PDB file of N, CA and C in Angstrom:
ATOM      1  N   MET A   1      -4.336   8.796  11.029  1.00  0.00           N
ATOM      2  CA  MET A   1      -4.709   7.468  10.261  1.00  0.00           C
ATOM      3  C   MET A   1      -3.400   6.751  10.064  1.00  0.00           C
ATOM      4  N   ILE A   2      -3.350   5.548  10.122  1.00  0.00           N
ATOM      5  CA  ILE A   2      -2.114   4.819   9.780  1.00  0.00           C
ATOM      6  C   ILE A   2      -1.743   4.945   8.473  1.00  0.00           C
ATOM      7  N   VAL A   3      -2.631   4.916   7.519  1.00  0.00           N
ATOM      8  CA  VAL A   3      -2.286   4.896   6.070  1.00  0.00           C
ATOM      9  C   VAL A   3      -1.604   6.195   5.714  1.00  0.00           C
ATOM     10  N   THR A   4      -1.909   7.319   6.303  1.00  0.00           N
ATOM     11  CA  THR A   4      -1.186   8.651   6.027  1.00  0.00           C
ATOM     12  C   THR A   4       0.144   8.522   6.648  1.00  0.00           C
ATOM     13  N   ASN A   5       0.302   8.008   7.861  1.00  0.00           N
ATOM     14  CA  ASN A   5       1.473   7.844   8.514  1.00  0.00           C
ATOM     15  C   ASN A   5       2.497   7.012   7.660  1.00  0.00           C
ATOM     16  N   VAL A   6       1.989   6.045   7.108  1.00  0.00           N
ATOM     17  CA  VAL A   6       2.787   5.159   6.270  1.00  0.00           C
ATOM     18  C   VAL A   6       3.197   5.821   5.001  1.00  0.00           C
ATOM     19  N   ALA A   7       2.322   6.615   4.373  1.00  0.00           N
ATOM     20  CA  ALA A   7       2.718   7.412   3.206  1.00  0.00           C
ATOM     21  C   ALA A   7       3.807   8.478   3.492  1.00  0.00           C
ATOM     22  N   GLU A   8       3.609   9.089   4.665  1.00  0.00           N
ATOM     23  CA  GLU A   8       4.639  10.069   5.155  1.00  0.00           C
ATOM     24  C   GLU A   8       6.014   9.433   5.292  1.00  0.00           C
ATOM     25  N   LYS A   9       6.055   8.312   5.903  1.00  0.00           N
ATOM     26  CA  LYS A   9       7.234   7.572   6.197  1.00  0.00           C
ATOM     27  C   LYS A   9       7.924   7.130   4.884  1.00  0.00           C
ATOM     28  N   LEU A  10       7.069   6.702   3.907  1.00  0.00           N
ATOM     29  CA  LEU A  10       7.658   6.273   2.613  1.00  0.00           C
ATOM     30  C   LEU A  10       7.944   7.412   1.632  1.00  0.00           C
ATOM     31  N   GLY A  11       7.558   8.666   2.026  1.00  0.00           N
ATOM     32  CA  GLY A  11       7.803   9.849   1.164  1.00  0.00           C
ATOM     33  C   GLY A  11       6.857   9.800  -0.111  1.00  0.00           C
ATOM     34  N   VAL A  12       5.658   9.166   0.111  1.00  0.00           N
ATOM     35  CA  VAL A  12       4.585   9.163  -0.945  1.00  0.00           C
ATOM     36  C   VAL A  12       3.668  10.369  -0.689  1.00  0.00           C
ATOM     37  N   LYS A  13       3.423  11.160  -1.580  1.00  0.00           N
ATOM     38  CA  LYS A  13       2.426  12.317  -1.306  1.00  0.00           C
ATOM     39  C   LYS A  13       1.038  11.643  -1.497  1.00  0.00           C
ATOM     40  N   LEU A  14       0.111  11.662  -0.560  1.00  0.00           N
ATOM     41  CA  LEU A  14      -1.197  11.046  -0.553  1.00  0.00           C
ATOM     42  C   LEU A  14      -2.218  12.094  -0.327  1.00  0.00           C
ATOM     43  N   CYS A  15      -3.016  12.312  -1.404  1.00  0.00           N
ATOM     44  CA  CYS A  15      -4.197  13.255  -1.253  1.00  0.00           C
ATOM     45  C   CYS A  15      -5.433  12.482  -0.798  1.00  0.00           C
ATOM     46  N   GLU A  16      -6.450  13.184  -0.380  1.00  0.00           N
ATOM     47  CA  GLU A  16      -7.744  12.579   0.003  1.00  0.00           C
ATOM     48  C   GLU A  16      -8.335  11.848  -1.232  1.00  0.00           C
ATOM     49  N   PHE A  17      -8.085  12.427  -2.300  1.00  0.00           N
ATOM     50  CA  PHE A  17      -8.627  11.827  -3.574  1.00  0.00           C
ATOM     51  C   PHE A  17      -8.049  10.432  -4.015  1.00  0.00           C
ATOM     52  N   ASP A  18      -6.715  10.346  -3.623  1.00  0.00           N
ATOM     53  CA  ASP A  18      -6.037   9.100  -4.024  1.00  0.00           C
ATOM     54  C   ASP A  18      -6.574   7.850  -3.319  1.00  0.00           C
ATOM     55  N   LEU A  19      -7.000   7.912  -2.061  1.00  0.00           N
ATOM     56  CA  LEU A  19      -7.509   6.784  -1.328  1.00  0.00           C
ATOM     57  C   LEU A  19      -9.027   6.574  -1.622  1.00  0.00           C
ATOM     58  N   THR A  20      -9.382   5.371  -2.205  1.00  0.00           N
ATOM     59  CA  THR A  20     -10.775   5.111  -2.466  1.00  0.00           C
ATOM     60  C   THR A  20     -11.380   4.340  -1.387  1.00  0.00           C
ATOM     61  N   ALA A  21     -10.681   3.455  -0.761  1.00  0.00           N
ATOM     62  CA  ALA A  21     -11.185   2.702   0.458  1.00  0.00           C
ATOM     63  C   ALA A  21     -10.133   2.266   1.303  1.00  0.00           C
ATOM     64  N   ALA A  22     -10.423   2.048   2.615  1.00  0.00           N
ATOM     65  CA  ALA A  22      -9.420   1.495   3.596  1.00  0.00           C
ATOM     66  C   ALA A  22     -10.152   0.827   4.652  1.00  0.00           C
ATOM     67  N   HIS A  23      -9.738  -0.344   5.067  1.00  0.00           N
ATOM     68  CA  HIS A  23     -10.482  -1.070   6.082  1.00  0.00           C
ATOM     69  C   HIS A  23      -9.591  -2.108   6.663  1.00  0.00           C
ATOM     70  N   ARG A  24      -9.853  -2.578   7.878  1.00  0.00           N
ATOM     71  CA  ARG A  24      -9.078  -3.657   8.433  1.00  0.00           C
ATOM     72  C   ARG A  24      -9.672  -4.963   7.981  1.00  0.00           C
ATOM     73  N   PHE A  25      -8.757  -5.935   7.919  1.00  0.00           N
ATOM     74  CA  PHE A  25      -9.148  -7.308   7.583  1.00  0.00           C
ATOM     75  C   PHE A  25      -8.984  -8.210   8.769  1.00  0.00           C
ATOM     76  N   PRO A  26     -10.044  -8.858   9.203  1.00  0.00           N
ATOM     77  CA  PRO A  26     -10.112  -9.699  10.454  1.00  0.00           C
ATOM     78  C   PRO A  26      -8.940 -10.763  10.420  1.00  0.00           C
ATOM     79  N   SER A  27      -8.230 -10.909  11.590  1.00  0.00           N
ATOM     80  CA  SER A  27      -7.175 -11.931  11.723  1.00  0.00           C
ATOM     81  C   SER A  27      -7.138 -12.595  13.106  1.00  0.00           C
ATOM     82  N   LYS A  28      -6.832 -13.710  13.148  1.00  0.00           N
ATOM     83  CA  LYS A  28      -6.745 -14.467  14.410  1.00  0.00           C
ATOM     84  C   LYS A  28      -5.310 -14.340  14.945  1.00  0.00           C
ATOM     85  N   LYS A  29      -4.341 -13.692  14.226  1.00  0.00           N
ATOM     86  CA  LYS A  29      -2.952 -13.638  14.656  1.00  0.00           C
ATOM     87  C   LYS A  29      -2.715 -12.418  15.496  1.00  0.00           C
ATOM     88  N   GLY A  30      -3.638 -11.602  15.824  1.00  0.00           N
ATOM     89  CA  GLY A  30      -3.414 -10.440  16.661  1.00  0.00           C
ATOM     90  C   GLY A  30      -3.517  -9.063  15.863  1.00  0.00           C
ATOM     91  N   ILE A  31      -2.643  -8.903  14.921  1.00  0.00           N
ATOM     92  CA  ILE A  31      -2.554  -7.685  14.145  1.00  0.00           C
ATOM     93  C   ILE A  31      -3.411  -7.739  12.918  1.00  0.00           C
ATOM     94  N   GLU A  32      -4.395  -6.889  12.702  1.00  0.00           N
ATOM     95  CA  GLU A  32      -5.250  -6.949  11.610  1.00  0.00           C
ATOM     96  C   GLU A  32      -4.629  -6.147  10.445  1.00  0.00           C
ATOM     97  N   PRO A  33      -4.442  -6.806   9.386  1.00  0.00           N
ATOM     98  CA  PRO A  33      -3.959  -6.082   8.154  1.00  0.00           C
ATOM     99  C   PRO A  33      -4.929  -4.942   7.778  1.00  0.00           C
ATOM    100  N   ILE A  34      -4.477  -3.943   7.120  1.00  0.00           N
ATOM    101  CA  ILE A  34      -5.208  -2.946   6.511  1.00  0.00           C
ATOM    102  C   ILE A  34      -5.088  -3.111   5.055  1.00  0.00           C
ATOM    103  N   ILE A  35      -6.304  -3.080   4.414  1.00  0.00           N
ATOM    104  CA  ILE A  35      -6.431  -3.218   3.018  1.00  0.00           C
ATOM    105  C   ILE A  35      -6.910  -1.799   2.560  1.00  0.00           C
ATOM    106  N   ILE A  36      -6.020  -1.311   1.545  1.00  0.00           N
ATOM    107  CA  ILE A  36      -6.409  -0.024   0.943  1.00  0.00           C
ATOM    108  C   ILE A  36      -6.580  -0.147  -0.533  1.00  0.00           C
ATOM    109  N   ARG A  37      -7.412   0.596  -1.094  1.00  0.00           N
ATOM    110  CA  ARG A  37      -7.656   0.792  -2.524  1.00  0.00           C
ATOM    111  C   ARG A  37      -7.345   2.174  -2.938  1.00  0.00           C
ATOM    112  N   LEU A  38      -6.522   2.217  -3.909  1.00  0.00           N
ATOM    113  CA  LEU A  38      -6.062   3.613  -4.346  1.00  0.00           C
ATOM    114  C   LEU A  38      -6.739   3.846  -5.635  1.00  0.00           C
ATOM    115  N   HIS A  39      -6.973   5.081  -5.911  1.00  0.00           N
ATOM    116  CA  HIS A  39      -7.656   5.523  -7.164  1.00  0.00           C
ATOM    117  C   HIS A  39      -6.751   5.314  -8.424  1.00  0.00           C
ATOM    118  N   SER A  40      -5.470   5.484  -8.224  1.00  0.00           N
ATOM    119  CA  SER A  40      -4.578   5.367  -9.379  1.00  0.00           C
ATOM    120  C   SER A  40      -3.662   4.160  -9.283  1.00  0.00           C
ATOM    121  N   PHE A  41      -3.567   3.405 -10.398  1.00  0.00           N
ATOM    122  CA  PHE A  41      -2.570   2.318 -10.321  1.00  0.00           C
ATOM    123  C   PHE A  41      -1.232   2.876 -10.229  1.00  0.00           C
ATOM    124  N   ASP A  42      -0.890   3.985 -10.679  1.00  0.00           N
ATOM    125  CA  ASP A  42       0.478   4.637 -10.564  1.00  0.00           C
ATOM    126  C   ASP A  42       0.795   4.937  -9.125  1.00  0.00           C
ATOM    127  N   LYS A  43      -0.222   5.462  -8.396  1.00  0.00           N
ATOM    128  CA  LYS A  43      -0.015   5.723  -7.011  1.00  0.00           C
ATOM    129  C   LYS A  43       0.278   4.410  -6.147  1.00  0.00           C
ATOM    130  N   LYS A  44      -0.393   3.289  -6.593  1.00  0.00           N
ATOM    131  CA  LYS A  44      -0.099   2.049  -5.951  1.00  0.00           C
ATOM    132  C   LYS A  44       1.259   1.567  -6.221  1.00  0.00           C
ATOM    133  N   LYS A  45       1.665   1.686  -7.497  1.00  0.00           N
ATOM    134  CA  LYS A  45       3.135   1.327  -7.875  1.00  0.00           C
ATOM    135  C   LYS A  45       4.113   2.178  -7.092  1.00  0.00           C
ATOM    136  N   GLU A  46       3.705   3.376  -6.905  1.00  0.00           N
ATOM    137  CA  GLU A  46       4.724   4.361  -6.050  1.00  0.00           C
ATOM    138  C   GLU A  46       4.882   3.845  -4.605  1.00  0.00           C
ATOM    139  N   PHE A  47       3.680   3.437  -3.989  1.00  0.00           N
ATOM    140  CA  PHE A  47       3.636   2.862  -2.659  1.00  0.00           C
ATOM    141  C   PHE A  47       4.542   1.613  -2.502  1.00  0.00           C
ATOM    142  N   ILE A  48       4.384   0.772  -3.539  1.00  0.00           N
ATOM    143  CA  ILE A  48       5.006  -0.668  -3.440  1.00  0.00           C
ATOM    144  C   ILE A  48       6.568  -0.420  -3.717  1.00  0.00           C
ATOM    145  N   LEU A  49       6.982   0.444  -4.633  1.00  0.00           N
ATOM    146  CA  LEU A  49       8.298   0.755  -4.863  1.00  0.00           C
ATOM    147  C   LEU A  49       8.989   1.317  -3.653  1.00  0.00           C
ATOM    148  N   ALA A  50       8.306   2.392  -3.035  1.00  0.00           N
ATOM    149  CA  ALA A  50       8.806   3.002  -1.780  1.00  0.00           C
ATOM    150  C   ALA A  50       8.991   1.925  -0.723  1.00  0.00           C
ATOM    151  N   ALA A  51       8.019   1.156  -0.565  1.00  0.00           N
ATOM    152  CA  ALA A  51       8.067   0.090   0.524  1.00  0.00           C
ATOM    153  C   ALA A  51       9.182  -0.884   0.272  1.00  0.00           C
ATOM    154  N   LYS A  52       9.412  -1.302  -0.970  1.00  0.00           N
ATOM    155  CA  LYS A  52      10.538  -2.176  -1.139  1.00  0.00           C
ATOM    156  C   LYS A  52      11.886  -1.561  -1.000  1.00  0.00           C
ATOM    157  N   THR A  53      11.989  -0.239  -1.163  1.00  0.00           N
ATOM    158  CA  THR A  53      13.345   0.413  -1.039  1.00  0.00           C
ATOM    159  C   THR A  53      13.535   0.768   0.427  1.00  0.00           C
ATOM    160  N   LYS A  54      12.514   1.162   1.172  1.00  0.00           N
ATOM    161  CA  LYS A  54      12.660   1.760   2.466  1.00  0.00           C
ATOM    162  C   LYS A  54      12.431   0.757   3.574  1.00  0.00           C
ATOM    163  N   LYS A  55      11.572  -0.245   3.218  1.00  0.00           N
ATOM    164  CA  LYS A  55      11.327  -1.347   4.240  1.00  0.00           C
ATOM    165  C   LYS A  55      10.987  -0.937   5.592  1.00  0.00           C
ATOM    166  N   PRO A  56       9.904  -0.216   5.687  1.00  0.00           N
ATOM    167  CA  PRO A  56       9.556   0.376   7.095  1.00  0.00           C
ATOM    168  C   PRO A  56       9.039  -0.729   8.016  1.00  0.00           C
ATOM    169  N   LYS A  57       9.102  -0.514   9.301  1.00  0.00           N
ATOM    170  CA  LYS A  57       8.528  -1.512  10.326  1.00  0.00           C
ATOM    171  C   LYS A  57       7.276  -0.759  10.941  1.00  0.00           C
ATOM    172  N   GLY A  58       6.488  -1.474  11.596  1.00  0.00           N
ATOM    173  CA  GLY A  58       5.310  -0.939  12.287  1.00  0.00           C
ATOM    174  C   GLY A  58       5.595   0.066  13.205  1.00  0.00           C
ATOM    175  N   ARG A  59       6.668   0.052  13.943  1.00  0.00           N
ATOM    176  CA  ARG A  59       6.925   1.024  14.919  1.00  0.00           C
ATOM    177  C   ARG A  59       7.291   2.380  14.310  1.00  0.00           C
ATOM    178  N   ASP A  60       7.809   2.271  13.032  1.00  0.00           N
ATOM    179  CA  ASP A  60       8.100   3.566  12.369  1.00  0.00           C
ATOM    180  C   ASP A  60       6.945   4.464  12.082  1.00  0.00           C
ATOM    181  N   VAL A  61       5.735   3.870  12.049  1.00  0.00           N
ATOM    182  CA  VAL A  61       4.579   4.631  11.746  1.00  0.00           C
ATOM    183  C   VAL A  61       3.516   4.670  12.811  1.00  0.00           C
ATOM    184  N   GLY A  62       3.980   4.219  14.087  1.00  0.00           N
ATOM    185  CA  GLY A  62       3.179   4.392  15.284  1.00  0.00           C
ATOM    186  C   GLY A  62       2.247   3.179  15.522  1.00  0.00           C
ATOM    187  N   VAL A  63       2.577   2.016  15.015  1.00  0.00           N
ATOM    188  CA  VAL A  63       1.915   0.750  15.352  1.00  0.00           C
ATOM    189  C   VAL A  63       2.811  -0.020  16.330  1.00  0.00           C
ATOM    190  N   ASN A  64       2.083  -0.650  17.243  1.00  0.00           N
ATOM    191  CA  ASN A  64       2.789  -1.282  18.386  1.00  0.00           C
ATOM    192  C   ASN A  64       3.476  -2.697  17.964  1.00  0.00           C
ATOM    193  N   THR A  65       4.209  -2.722  16.912  1.00  0.00           N
ATOM    194  CA  THR A  65       4.830  -3.993  16.490  1.00  0.00           C
ATOM    195  C   THR A  65       6.142  -3.703  15.699  1.00  0.00           C
ATOM    196  N   ASN A  66       7.106  -4.523  15.676  1.00  0.00           N
ATOM    197  CA  ASN A  66       8.250  -4.403  14.944  1.00  0.00           C
ATOM    198  C   ASN A  66       8.215  -5.191  13.590  1.00  0.00           C
ATOM    199  N   LEU A  67       7.051  -5.722  13.285  1.00  0.00           N
ATOM    200  CA  LEU A  67       6.920  -6.421  11.993  1.00  0.00           C
ATOM    201  C   LEU A  67       7.024  -5.496  10.811  1.00  0.00           C
ATOM    202  N   PRO A  68       7.492  -5.970   9.717  1.00  0.00           N
ATOM    203  CA  PRO A  68       7.607  -5.067   8.551  1.00  0.00           C
ATOM    204  C   PRO A  68       6.218  -4.727   7.881  1.00  0.00           C
ATOM    205  N   ILE A  69       6.193  -3.624   7.311  1.00  0.00           N
ATOM    206  CA  ILE A  69       5.005  -3.266   6.577  1.00  0.00           C
ATOM    207  C   ILE A  69       5.057  -3.853   5.215  1.00  0.00           C
ATOM    208  N   TYR A  70       4.095  -4.654   4.746  1.00  0.00           N
ATOM    209  CA  TYR A  70       4.076  -5.311   3.628  1.00  0.00           C
ATOM    210  C   TYR A  70       2.998  -4.843   2.590  1.00  0.00           C
ATOM    211  N   PHE A  71       3.398  -4.595   1.315  1.00  0.00           N
ATOM    212  CA  PHE A  71       2.421  -4.145   0.366  1.00  0.00           C
ATOM    213  C   PHE A  71       2.351  -5.313  -0.670  1.00  0.00           C
ATOM    214  N   ASN A  72       1.080  -5.529  -1.065  1.00  0.00           N
ATOM    215  CA  ASN A  72       0.867  -6.605  -2.029  1.00  0.00           C
ATOM    216  C   ASN A  72       0.145  -5.996  -3.205  1.00  0.00           C
ATOM    217  N   ASP A  73       0.724  -6.258  -4.471  1.00  0.00           N
ATOM    218  CA  ASP A  73       0.070  -5.706  -5.662  1.00  0.00           C
ATOM    219  C   ASP A  73      -0.827  -6.775  -6.221  1.00  0.00           C
ATOM    220  N   ASN A  74      -2.116  -6.679  -5.894  1.00  0.00           N
ATOM    221  CA  ASN A  74      -3.100  -7.693  -6.021  1.00  0.00           C
ATOM    222  C   ASN A  74      -3.814  -7.616  -7.403  1.00  0.00           C
ATOM    223  N   LEU A  75      -3.091  -8.088  -8.482  1.00  0.00           N
ATOM    224  CA  LEU A  75      -3.657  -8.085  -9.758  1.00  0.00           C
ATOM    225  C   LEU A  75      -3.645  -9.508 -10.348  1.00  0.00           C
ATOM    226  N   SER A  76      -4.682  -9.897 -11.086  1.00  0.00           N
ATOM    227  CA  SER A  76      -4.658 -11.115 -11.723  1.00  0.00           C
ATOM    228  C   SER A  76      -3.665 -11.031 -12.870  1.00  0.00           C
ATOM    229  N   ARG A  77      -3.243 -12.091 -13.403  1.00  0.00           N
ATOM    230  CA  ARG A  77      -2.370 -12.351 -14.447  1.00  0.00           C
ATOM    231  C   ARG A  77      -2.942 -11.483 -15.758  1.00  0.00           C
ATOM    232  N   ASP A  78      -4.224 -11.736 -16.081  1.00  0.00           N
ATOM    233  CA  ASP A  78      -4.783 -11.068 -17.208  1.00  0.00           C
ATOM    234  C   ASP A  78      -4.790  -9.552 -17.062  1.00  0.00           C
ATOM    235  N   THR A  79      -5.243  -9.072 -15.875  1.00  0.00           N
ATOM    236  CA  THR A  79      -5.275  -7.649 -15.597  1.00  0.00           C
ATOM    237  C   THR A  79      -3.810  -7.008 -15.719  1.00  0.00           C
ATOM    238  N   ARG A  80      -2.899  -7.715 -15.229  1.00  0.00           N
ATOM    239  CA  ARG A  80      -1.549  -7.156 -15.281  1.00  0.00           C
ATOM    240  C   ARG A  80      -1.094  -7.080 -16.746  1.00  0.00           C
ATOM    241  N   ALA A  81      -1.411  -8.150 -17.587  1.00  0.00           N
ATOM    242  CA  ALA A  81      -0.956  -8.135 -18.989  1.00  0.00           C
ATOM    243  C   ALA A  81      -1.666  -7.041 -19.653  1.00  0.00           C
ATOM    244  N   ARG A  82      -2.904  -6.793 -19.495  1.00  0.00           N
ATOM    245  CA  ARG A  82      -3.653  -5.675 -20.140  1.00  0.00           C
ATOM    246  C   ARG A  82      -3.052  -4.342 -19.631  1.00  0.00           C
ATOM    247  N   TRP A  83      -2.707  -4.169 -18.391  1.00  0.00           N
ATOM    248  CA  TRP A  83      -2.187  -2.926 -17.952  1.00  0.00           C
ATOM    249  C   TRP A  83      -0.802  -2.640 -18.606  1.00  0.00           C
ATOM    250  N   ASN A  84       0.017  -3.657 -18.717  1.00  0.00           N
ATOM    251  CA  ASN A  84       1.302  -3.468 -19.445  1.00  0.00           C
ATOM    252  C   ASN A  84       1.089  -3.079 -20.893  1.00  0.00           C
ATOM    253  N   GLU A  85       0.134  -3.637 -21.551  1.00  0.00           N
ATOM    254  CA  GLU A  85      -0.144  -3.332 -22.890  1.00  0.00           C
ATOM    255  C   GLU A  85      -0.588  -1.858 -23.050  1.00  0.00           C
ATOM    256  N   VAL A  86      -1.474  -1.397 -22.136  1.00  0.00           N
ATOM    257  CA  VAL A  86      -1.955   0.031 -22.181  1.00  0.00           C
ATOM    258  C   VAL A  86      -0.874   0.942 -21.910  1.00  0.00           C
ATOM    259  N   ARG A  87       0.022   0.643 -21.048  1.00  0.00           N
ATOM    260  CA  ARG A  87       1.264   1.473 -20.700  1.00  0.00           C
ATOM    261  C   ARG A  87       2.169   1.706 -21.753  1.00  0.00           C
ATOM    262  N   LYS A  88       2.158   0.847 -22.769  1.00  0.00           N
ATOM    263  CA  LYS A  88       3.119   0.897 -23.862  1.00  0.00           C
ATOM    264  C   LYS A  88       2.728   2.099 -24.751  1.00  0.00           C
ATOM    265  N   TRP A  89       1.403   2.429 -24.803  1.00  0.00           N
ATOM    266  CA  TRP A  89       0.874   3.487 -25.799  1.00  0.00           C
ATOM    267  C   TRP A  89       1.480   4.710 -25.410  1.00  0.00           C
TER     268      TRP A  89
END
């Protein structure tokens, strides 16, 4: 699975429990993005931080492209503010 290959390349330990959902998103540009939902917000942050520091390409994980792998932290402004408040406790 591509998601586990990406996790290995990034050095992120991913258990079966961590991944809630994964699916392709239709695209007319050829390469269909993969959308994943992780059980833990902390695991998502770990993925994003590792991707920013290591900057892997598609070929690094067995995908036939040299495009970079991109992670998006998709939170609304309100959700992010609430999460930051909770983390302070």
